[in-house]
């Protein structure tokens, strides 16, 4: 199974970039994983937030393949414990899912067309995080899930 993270923009803070790099390196031992960043739509006075969301969703949809199992990250999505998330990943592997595609929106979130296309809408917490932080937290949870599935010490 291959894991992809599709997101709007790149992390700006160096500490987030370092964290992402660290977890991407750790995950290489467990799964094939990649991050694809889409250039954000410029915010300006001539575009409404709704238009920006629509434009970003158009860019995201160009990168989504029909065969992908799509998991969108949204604050209103379903929450899982780390153990439940690990079980989900295990089930997806058993079901023969070839690619799990996690989609993270920009500062405005995700357009409803992307959320409707999702096989699962997931929330990492009831708290709100910046879209940059969501990437790091997601990578850490994917790593944690793999260590749980292997019975390794990382998860306590």
N, C-alpha and C. Protein backbone atom coordinates (compact mmCIF):
# COMPACT_ATOMS: atom_id res chain seq x y z
N UNK A 1 0.84 -1.17 0.00
CA UNK A 1 0.00 0.00 0.00
C UNK A 1 0.89 1.24 0.00
N UNK A 2 0.49 2.21 -0.78
CA UNK A 2 1.21 3.47 -0.90
C UNK A 2 0.39 4.55 -0.21
N UNK A 3 1.05 5.44 0.52
CA UNK A 3 0.39 6.55 1.18
C UNK A 3 0.86 7.85 0.54
N UNK A 4 -0.11 8.70 0.20
CA UNK A 4 0.20 10.02 -0.34
C UNK A 4 -0.48 11.07 0.51
N UNK A 5 0.19 12.19 0.67
CA UNK A 5 -0.38 13.34 1.35
C UNK A 5 -0.40 14.47 0.32
N UNK A 6 -1.60 14.90 -0.01
CA UNK A 6 -1.80 15.98 -0.99
C UNK A 6 -2.24 17.20 -0.21
N UNK A 7 -1.51 18.31 -0.37
CA UNK A 7 -1.82 19.47 0.45
C UNK A 7 -1.62 20.77 -0.32
N UNK A 8 -2.27 21.78 0.20
CA UNK A 8 -2.13 23.12 -0.37
C UNK A 8 -0.94 23.81 0.31
N UNK A 9 0.00 24.27 -0.49
CA UNK A 9 1.13 25.03 0.03
C UNK A 9 2.16 24.17 0.74
N UNK A 10 3.21 24.81 1.15
CA UNK A 10 4.26 24.13 1.89
C UNK A 10 4.37 24.73 3.28
N UNK A 11 4.92 23.97 4.19
CA UNK A 11 5.11 24.48 5.55
C UNK A 11 6.11 25.62 5.51
N UNK A 12 5.79 26.68 6.22
CA UNK A 12 6.67 27.85 6.22
C UNK A 12 7.69 27.80 7.34
N UNK A 13 7.29 27.31 8.49
CA UNK A 13 8.17 27.30 9.65
C UNK A 13 9.22 26.19 9.53
N UNK A 14 10.45 26.53 9.83
CA UNK A 14 11.54 25.56 9.70
C UNK A 14 11.36 24.37 10.64
N UNK A 15 10.83 24.61 11.84
CA UNK A 15 10.65 23.49 12.77
C UNK A 15 9.60 22.49 12.26
N UNK A 16 8.60 22.97 11.53
CA UNK A 16 7.62 22.06 10.95
C UNK A 16 8.23 21.27 9.79
N UNK A 17 9.02 21.96 8.98
CA UNK A 17 9.71 21.28 7.87
C UNK A 17 10.64 20.19 8.39
N UNK A 18 11.38 20.49 9.46
CA UNK A 18 12.28 19.51 10.06
C UNK A 18 11.50 18.31 10.60
N UNK A 19 10.38 18.58 11.25
CA UNK A 19 9.54 17.51 11.77
C UNK A 19 9.00 16.63 10.66
N UNK A 20 8.53 17.24 9.59
CA UNK A 20 8.02 16.48 8.44
C UNK A 20 9.13 15.60 7.86
N UNK A 21 10.31 16.18 7.70
CA UNK A 21 11.45 15.44 7.16
C UNK A 21 11.79 14.25 8.04
N UNK A 22 11.78 14.47 9.36
CA UNK A 22 12.08 13.41 10.31
C UNK A 22 11.08 12.26 10.16
N UNK A 23 9.79 12.56 10.16
CA UNK A 23 8.79 11.49 10.08
C UNK A 23 8.77 10.84 8.70
N UNK A 24 9.05 11.59 7.66
CA UNK A 24 9.13 10.97 6.32
C UNK A 24 10.28 9.96 6.29
N UNK A 25 11.41 10.30 6.90
CA UNK A 25 12.54 9.37 6.97
C UNK A 25 12.19 8.14 7.80
N UNK A 26 11.51 8.32 8.91
CA UNK A 26 11.11 7.20 9.75
C UNK A 26 10.13 6.28 9.01
N UNK A 27 9.22 6.89 8.26
CA UNK A 27 8.18 6.10 7.59
C UNK A 27 8.71 5.27 6.44
N UNK A 28 9.86 5.62 5.88
CA UNK A 28 10.45 4.85 4.79
C UNK A 28 10.65 3.38 5.15
N UNK A 29 10.80 3.10 6.43
CA UNK A 29 11.03 1.73 6.88
C UNK A 29 9.73 0.91 6.94
N UNK A 30 8.59 1.59 6.82
CA UNK A 30 7.30 0.91 6.99
C UNK A 30 6.44 0.90 5.74
N UNK A 31 6.51 1.97 4.95
CA UNK A 31 5.59 2.11 3.83
C UNK A 31 6.16 3.07 2.80
N UNK A 32 5.58 3.02 1.62
CA UNK A 32 5.91 4.02 0.61
C UNK A 32 5.04 5.24 0.88
N UNK A 33 5.67 6.38 1.01
CA UNK A 33 4.92 7.59 1.33
C UNK A 33 5.51 8.78 0.59
N UNK A 34 4.63 9.69 0.20
CA UNK A 34 5.10 10.91 -0.46
C UNK A 34 4.16 12.06 -0.09
N UNK A 35 4.70 13.26 -0.16
CA UNK A 35 3.92 14.47 0.03
C UNK A 35 3.94 15.23 -1.29
N UNK A 36 2.76 15.63 -1.74
CA UNK A 36 2.67 16.47 -2.93
C UNK A 36 2.01 17.78 -2.54
N UNK A 37 2.70 18.85 -2.85
CA UNK A 37 2.21 20.17 -2.48
C UNK A 37 1.67 20.89 -3.71
N UNK A 38 0.49 21.46 -3.55
CA UNK A 38 -0.13 22.25 -4.62
C UNK A 38 0.06 23.72 -4.26
N UNK A 39 0.45 24.50 -5.23
CA UNK A 39 0.64 25.93 -4.98
C UNK A 39 -0.70 26.55 -4.58
N UNK A 40 -0.72 27.30 -3.47
CA UNK A 40 -1.99 27.90 -3.03
C UNK A 40 -2.47 28.98 -3.99
N UNK A 41 -3.77 29.17 -4.03
CA UNK A 41 -4.34 30.24 -4.82
C UNK A 41 -4.12 31.55 -4.06
N UNK A 42 -3.68 32.54 -4.78
CA UNK A 42 -3.39 33.83 -4.14
C UNK A 42 -4.65 34.47 -3.58
N UNK A 43 -4.51 34.97 -2.38
CA UNK A 43 -5.60 35.70 -1.74
C UNK A 43 -5.48 37.17 -2.15
N UNK A 44 -6.53 37.68 -2.76
CA UNK A 44 -6.54 39.10 -3.08
C UNK A 44 -7.97 39.61 -3.04
N UNK A 45 -8.11 40.89 -3.14
CA UNK A 45 -9.42 41.52 -2.99
C UNK A 45 -10.40 41.15 -4.09
N UNK A 46 -9.89 40.74 -5.24
CA UNK A 46 -10.79 40.43 -6.35
C UNK A 46 -11.41 39.03 -6.24
N UNK A 47 -10.91 38.20 -5.32
CA UNK A 47 -11.43 36.84 -5.16
C UNK A 47 -12.05 36.66 -3.78
N UNK A 48 -13.23 36.12 -3.76
CA UNK A 48 -13.87 35.81 -2.49
C UNK A 48 -13.26 34.53 -1.91
N UNK A 49 -13.48 34.30 -0.62
CA UNK A 49 -13.00 33.06 -0.01
C UNK A 49 -13.62 31.86 -0.70
N UNK A 50 -14.89 31.96 -1.07
CA UNK A 50 -15.57 30.86 -1.76
C UNK A 50 -14.89 30.55 -3.10
N UNK A 51 -14.48 31.60 -3.82
CA UNK A 51 -13.81 31.40 -5.11
C UNK A 51 -12.43 30.79 -4.91
N UNK A 52 -11.73 31.22 -3.88
CA UNK A 52 -10.40 30.65 -3.59
C UNK A 52 -10.54 29.16 -3.27
N UNK A 53 -11.51 28.82 -2.41
CA UNK A 53 -11.75 27.41 -2.08
C UNK A 53 -12.07 26.60 -3.33
N UNK A 54 -12.90 27.14 -4.20
CA UNK A 54 -13.28 26.45 -5.45
C UNK A 54 -12.05 26.25 -6.33
N UNK A 55 -11.26 27.30 -6.49
CA UNK A 55 -10.05 27.21 -7.33
C UNK A 55 -9.08 26.17 -6.77
N UNK A 56 -8.89 26.17 -5.44
CA UNK A 56 -8.00 25.18 -4.84
C UNK A 56 -8.55 23.77 -5.01
N UNK A 57 -9.86 23.62 -4.91
CA UNK A 57 -10.43 22.28 -5.09
C UNK A 57 -10.23 21.79 -6.51
N UNK A 58 -10.30 22.69 -7.48
CA UNK A 58 -10.04 22.31 -8.88
C UNK A 58 -8.61 21.80 -9.05
N UNK A 59 -7.67 22.48 -8.40
CA UNK A 59 -6.26 22.06 -8.48
C UNK A 59 -6.07 20.70 -7.79
N UNK A 60 -6.71 20.52 -6.64
CA UNK A 60 -6.60 19.24 -5.93
C UNK A 60 -7.20 18.11 -6.75
N UNK A 61 -8.38 18.33 -7.32
CA UNK A 61 -9.05 17.27 -8.08
C UNK A 61 -8.22 16.79 -9.27
N UNK A 62 -7.40 17.66 -9.82
CA UNK A 62 -6.53 17.26 -10.93
C UNK A 62 -5.51 16.21 -10.49
N UNK A 63 -5.21 16.16 -9.21
CA UNK A 63 -4.19 15.24 -8.68
C UNK A 63 -4.79 13.97 -8.08
N UNK A 64 -6.11 13.92 -7.97
CA UNK A 64 -6.77 12.76 -7.35
C UNK A 64 -7.12 11.75 -8.42
N UNK A 65 -6.65 10.52 -8.24
CA UNK A 65 -6.96 9.47 -9.20
C UNK A 65 -8.16 8.67 -8.73
N UNK A 66 -8.84 8.06 -9.67
CA UNK A 66 -10.04 7.28 -9.38
C UNK A 66 -9.74 6.11 -8.46
N UNK A 67 -8.56 5.55 -8.55
CA UNK A 67 -8.22 4.37 -7.75
C UNK A 67 -7.81 4.70 -6.32
N UNK A 68 -7.64 5.96 -6.01
CA UNK A 68 -7.21 6.34 -4.66
C UNK A 68 -8.35 6.21 -3.65
N UNK A 69 -8.00 5.77 -2.46
CA UNK A 69 -8.92 5.81 -1.33
C UNK A 69 -8.67 7.16 -0.67
N UNK A 70 -9.66 8.03 -0.69
CA UNK A 70 -9.46 9.43 -0.31
C UNK A 70 -9.89 9.67 1.14
N UNK A 71 -8.94 10.19 1.92
CA UNK A 71 -9.21 10.58 3.30
C UNK A 71 -8.94 12.08 3.38
N UNK A 72 -10.01 12.85 3.63
CA UNK A 72 -9.82 14.29 3.78
C UNK A 72 -9.70 14.63 5.26
N UNK A 73 -8.91 15.64 5.54
CA UNK A 73 -8.74 16.11 6.92
C UNK A 73 -9.62 17.34 7.09
N UNK A 74 -10.53 17.26 8.06
CA UNK A 74 -11.47 18.34 8.29
C UNK A 74 -11.86 18.33 9.77
N UNK A 75 -12.00 19.50 10.36
CA UNK A 75 -12.30 19.58 11.79
C UNK A 75 -13.64 18.93 12.15
N UNK A 76 -14.52 18.78 11.19
CA UNK A 76 -15.84 18.18 11.45
C UNK A 76 -15.86 16.68 11.14
N UNK A 77 -14.71 16.13 10.81
CA UNK A 77 -14.63 14.72 10.45
C UNK A 77 -14.67 13.79 11.65
N UNK A 78 -14.57 12.51 11.36
CA UNK A 78 -14.60 11.47 12.38
C UNK A 78 -13.25 11.43 13.11
N UNK A 79 -13.32 11.31 14.41
CA UNK A 79 -12.10 11.22 15.23
C UNK A 79 -11.79 9.77 15.55
N UNK A 80 -10.51 9.47 15.64
CA UNK A 80 -10.04 8.13 15.98
C UNK A 80 -8.97 8.23 17.06
N UNK A 81 -8.91 7.23 17.91
CA UNK A 81 -7.74 7.12 18.77
C UNK A 81 -6.60 6.63 17.89
N UNK A 82 -5.39 6.70 18.40
CA UNK A 82 -4.24 6.20 17.63
C UNK A 82 -4.39 4.72 17.32
N UNK A 83 -4.90 3.95 18.28
CA UNK A 83 -5.09 2.51 18.07
C UNK A 83 -6.16 2.25 16.99
N UNK A 84 -7.24 3.04 17.02
CA UNK A 84 -8.29 2.88 16.02
C UNK A 84 -7.78 3.27 14.63
N UNK A 85 -6.95 4.30 14.56
CA UNK A 85 -6.37 4.72 13.30
C UNK A 85 -5.44 3.63 12.75
N UNK A 86 -4.65 3.03 13.63
CA UNK A 86 -3.78 1.92 13.21
C UNK A 86 -4.62 0.77 12.66
N UNK A 87 -5.73 0.48 13.32
CA UNK A 87 -6.62 -0.59 12.85
C UNK A 87 -7.20 -0.25 11.47
N UNK A 88 -7.55 1.02 11.26
CA UNK A 88 -8.04 1.46 9.94
C UNK A 88 -6.98 1.19 8.87
N UNK A 89 -5.74 1.57 9.15
CA UNK A 89 -4.67 1.36 8.18
C UNK A 89 -4.50 -0.13 7.90
N UNK A 90 -4.54 -0.93 8.94
CA UNK A 90 -4.44 -2.38 8.77
C UNK A 90 -5.57 -2.92 7.91
N UNK A 91 -6.78 -2.45 8.17
CA UNK A 91 -7.94 -2.89 7.38
C UNK A 91 -7.81 -2.48 5.92
N UNK A 92 -7.31 -1.27 5.67
CA UNK A 92 -7.12 -0.82 4.29
C UNK A 92 -6.11 -1.71 3.58
N UNK A 93 -5.07 -2.13 4.30
CA UNK A 93 -4.08 -3.03 3.70
C UNK A 93 -4.72 -4.37 3.36
N UNK A 94 -5.49 -4.91 4.30
CA UNK A 94 -6.15 -6.21 4.10
C UNK A 94 -7.14 -6.13 2.93
N UNK A 95 -7.82 -5.01 2.81
CA UNK A 95 -8.80 -4.82 1.73
C UNK A 95 -8.13 -4.61 0.38
N UNK A 96 -6.82 -4.48 0.38
CA UNK A 96 -6.08 -4.33 -0.88
C UNK A 96 -6.11 -2.93 -1.45
N UNK A 97 -6.31 -1.93 -0.61
CA UNK A 97 -6.27 -0.55 -1.11
C UNK A 97 -4.85 -0.28 -1.59
N UNK A 98 -4.73 0.19 -2.80
CA UNK A 98 -3.41 0.42 -3.39
C UNK A 98 -2.81 1.74 -2.94
N UNK A 99 -3.66 2.78 -2.86
CA UNK A 99 -3.17 4.08 -2.43
C UNK A 99 -4.17 4.71 -1.48
N UNK A 100 -3.66 5.17 -0.34
CA UNK A 100 -4.44 5.97 0.59
C UNK A 100 -3.97 7.40 0.37
N UNK A 101 -4.89 8.26 -0.01
CA UNK A 101 -4.57 9.65 -0.30
C UNK A 101 -5.19 10.54 0.77
N UNK A 102 -4.33 11.14 1.59
CA UNK A 102 -4.77 12.08 2.60
C UNK A 102 -4.74 13.47 1.97
N UNK A 103 -5.85 14.20 2.07
CA UNK A 103 -5.95 15.52 1.45
C UNK A 103 -6.12 16.57 2.55
N UNK A 104 -5.22 17.54 2.54
CA UNK A 104 -5.22 18.62 3.52
C UNK A 104 -5.39 19.94 2.78
N UNK A 105 -6.38 20.71 3.18
CA UNK A 105 -6.64 21.99 2.54
C UNK A 105 -5.68 23.07 3.00
N UNK A 106 -5.90 24.25 2.50
CA UNK A 106 -5.10 25.41 2.89
C UNK A 106 -5.72 26.09 4.10
N UNK A 107 -5.39 27.35 4.32
CA UNK A 107 -5.90 28.07 5.48
C UNK A 107 -7.43 28.15 5.53
N UNK A 108 -8.09 28.06 4.38
CA UNK A 108 -9.54 28.14 4.35
C UNK A 108 -10.20 26.76 4.44
N UNK A 109 -9.41 25.72 4.47
CA UNK A 109 -9.96 24.36 4.55
C UNK A 109 -10.15 23.75 3.17
N UNK A 110 -11.16 22.89 3.05
CA UNK A 110 -11.45 22.19 1.81
C UNK A 110 -12.86 22.54 1.32
N UNK A 111 -13.00 22.65 0.04
CA UNK A 111 -14.30 22.92 -0.59
C UNK A 111 -15.19 21.69 -0.44
N UNK A 112 -16.47 21.91 -0.40
CA UNK A 112 -17.43 20.81 -0.21
C UNK A 112 -17.33 19.75 -1.31
N UNK A 113 -16.91 20.11 -2.52
CA UNK A 113 -16.79 19.11 -3.59
C UNK A 113 -15.71 18.08 -3.27
N UNK A 114 -14.64 18.51 -2.61
CA UNK A 114 -13.58 17.58 -2.22
C UNK A 114 -14.07 16.72 -1.06
N UNK A 115 -14.76 17.32 -0.11
CA UNK A 115 -15.27 16.55 1.03
C UNK A 115 -16.28 15.50 0.57
N UNK A 116 -17.10 15.83 -0.41
CA UNK A 116 -18.08 14.87 -0.94
C UNK A 116 -17.41 13.72 -1.68
N UNK A 117 -16.26 13.97 -2.24
CA UNK A 117 -15.52 12.95 -2.98
C UNK A 117 -14.79 11.97 -2.04
N UNK A 118 -14.65 12.35 -0.79
CA UNK A 118 -13.87 11.56 0.17
C UNK A 118 -14.54 10.24 0.53
N UNK A 119 -13.71 9.22 0.71
CA UNK A 119 -14.18 7.94 1.24
C UNK A 119 -14.29 8.02 2.76
N UNK A 120 -13.50 8.91 3.36
CA UNK A 120 -13.52 9.12 4.80
C UNK A 120 -13.14 10.57 5.07
N UNK A 121 -13.91 11.23 5.93
CA UNK A 121 -13.56 12.56 6.40
C UNK A 121 -13.09 12.38 7.84
N UNK A 122 -11.86 12.76 8.09
CA UNK A 122 -11.22 12.49 9.38
C UNK A 122 -10.78 13.79 10.05
N UNK A 123 -10.91 13.82 11.36
CA UNK A 123 -10.41 14.93 12.16
C UNK A 123 -9.30 14.41 13.06
N UNK A 124 -8.26 15.18 13.21
CA UNK A 124 -7.17 14.80 14.11
C UNK A 124 -7.45 15.19 15.55
N UNK A 125 -8.40 16.11 15.75
CA UNK A 125 -8.71 16.58 17.09
C UNK A 125 -9.92 17.49 17.02
N UNK A 126 -10.55 17.71 18.14
CA UNK A 126 -11.60 18.72 18.19
C UNK A 126 -11.01 20.12 18.15
N UNK A 127 -9.74 20.21 18.49
CA UNK A 127 -9.05 21.50 18.43
C UNK A 127 -8.75 21.84 16.97
N UNK A 128 -8.56 23.11 16.71
CA UNK A 128 -8.21 23.56 15.37
C UNK A 128 -6.70 23.76 15.29
N UNK A 129 -6.10 23.25 14.21
CA UNK A 129 -4.67 23.41 13.97
C UNK A 129 -4.48 24.17 12.66
N UNK A 130 -3.33 24.79 12.50
CA UNK A 130 -3.02 25.38 11.20
C UNK A 130 -2.84 24.23 10.21
N UNK A 131 -3.06 24.53 8.92
CA UNK A 131 -2.90 23.48 7.92
C UNK A 131 -1.47 22.97 7.88
N UNK A 132 -0.50 23.82 8.23
CA UNK A 132 0.90 23.38 8.29
C UNK A 132 1.10 22.35 9.40
N UNK A 133 0.51 22.62 10.55
CA UNK A 133 0.68 21.72 11.70
C UNK A 133 -0.04 20.39 11.45
N UNK A 134 -1.15 20.43 10.73
CA UNK A 134 -1.90 19.21 10.45
C UNK A 134 -1.01 18.20 9.73
N UNK A 135 -0.19 18.68 8.80
CA UNK A 135 0.70 17.75 8.07
C UNK A 135 1.63 17.02 9.02
N UNK A 136 2.24 17.76 9.94
CA UNK A 136 3.17 17.14 10.87
C UNK A 136 2.45 16.16 11.79
N UNK A 137 1.31 16.57 12.32
CA UNK A 137 0.55 15.69 13.21
C UNK A 137 0.09 14.43 12.46
N UNK A 138 -0.36 14.60 11.22
CA UNK A 138 -0.78 13.44 10.42
C UNK A 138 0.39 12.48 10.20
N UNK A 139 1.55 13.00 9.82
CA UNK A 139 2.71 12.14 9.59
C UNK A 139 3.09 11.39 10.87
N UNK A 140 3.04 12.10 11.99
CA UNK A 140 3.37 11.44 13.26
C UNK A 140 2.36 10.32 13.54
N UNK A 141 1.09 10.54 13.28
CA UNK A 141 0.08 9.53 13.55
C UNK A 141 0.18 8.34 12.58
N UNK A 142 0.57 8.59 11.37
CA UNK A 142 0.80 7.49 10.42
C UNK A 142 1.98 6.66 10.91
N UNK A 143 3.03 7.33 11.36
CA UNK A 143 4.19 6.62 11.91
C UNK A 143 3.78 5.83 13.16
N UNK A 144 3.05 6.47 14.05
CA UNK A 144 2.59 5.81 15.28
C UNK A 144 1.76 4.58 14.93
N UNK A 145 0.88 4.70 13.95
CA UNK A 145 0.03 3.57 13.55
C UNK A 145 0.88 2.38 13.11
N UNK A 146 1.92 2.65 12.34
CA UNK A 146 2.77 1.55 11.88
C UNK A 146 3.54 0.90 13.04
N UNK A 147 3.96 1.71 14.01
CA UNK A 147 4.65 1.10 15.16
C UNK A 147 3.67 0.31 16.02
N UNK A 148 2.43 0.76 16.12
CA UNK A 148 1.41 0.00 16.85
C UNK A 148 1.19 -1.34 16.17
N UNK A 149 1.04 -1.32 14.86
CA UNK A 149 0.78 -2.55 14.11
C UNK A 149 1.92 -3.55 14.22
N UNK A 150 3.13 -3.06 14.40
CA UNK A 150 4.30 -3.94 14.54
C UNK A 150 4.63 -4.25 16.00
N UNK A 151 3.85 -3.71 16.92
CA UNK A 151 4.09 -3.96 18.32
C UNK A 151 5.38 -3.34 18.84
N UNK A 152 5.80 -2.25 18.23
CA UNK A 152 7.03 -1.59 18.64
C UNK A 152 6.80 -0.64 19.80
N UNK A 153 7.87 -0.25 20.43
CA UNK A 153 7.84 0.48 21.69
C UNK A 153 7.40 1.94 21.58
N UNK A 154 7.44 2.52 20.42
CA UNK A 154 7.18 3.96 20.25
C UNK A 154 5.87 4.38 20.90
N UNK A 155 4.82 3.62 20.74
CA UNK A 155 3.50 3.99 21.27
C UNK A 155 3.34 3.50 22.70
N UNK A 156 3.09 4.41 23.58
CA UNK A 156 2.83 4.03 24.98
C UNK A 156 1.60 4.71 25.48
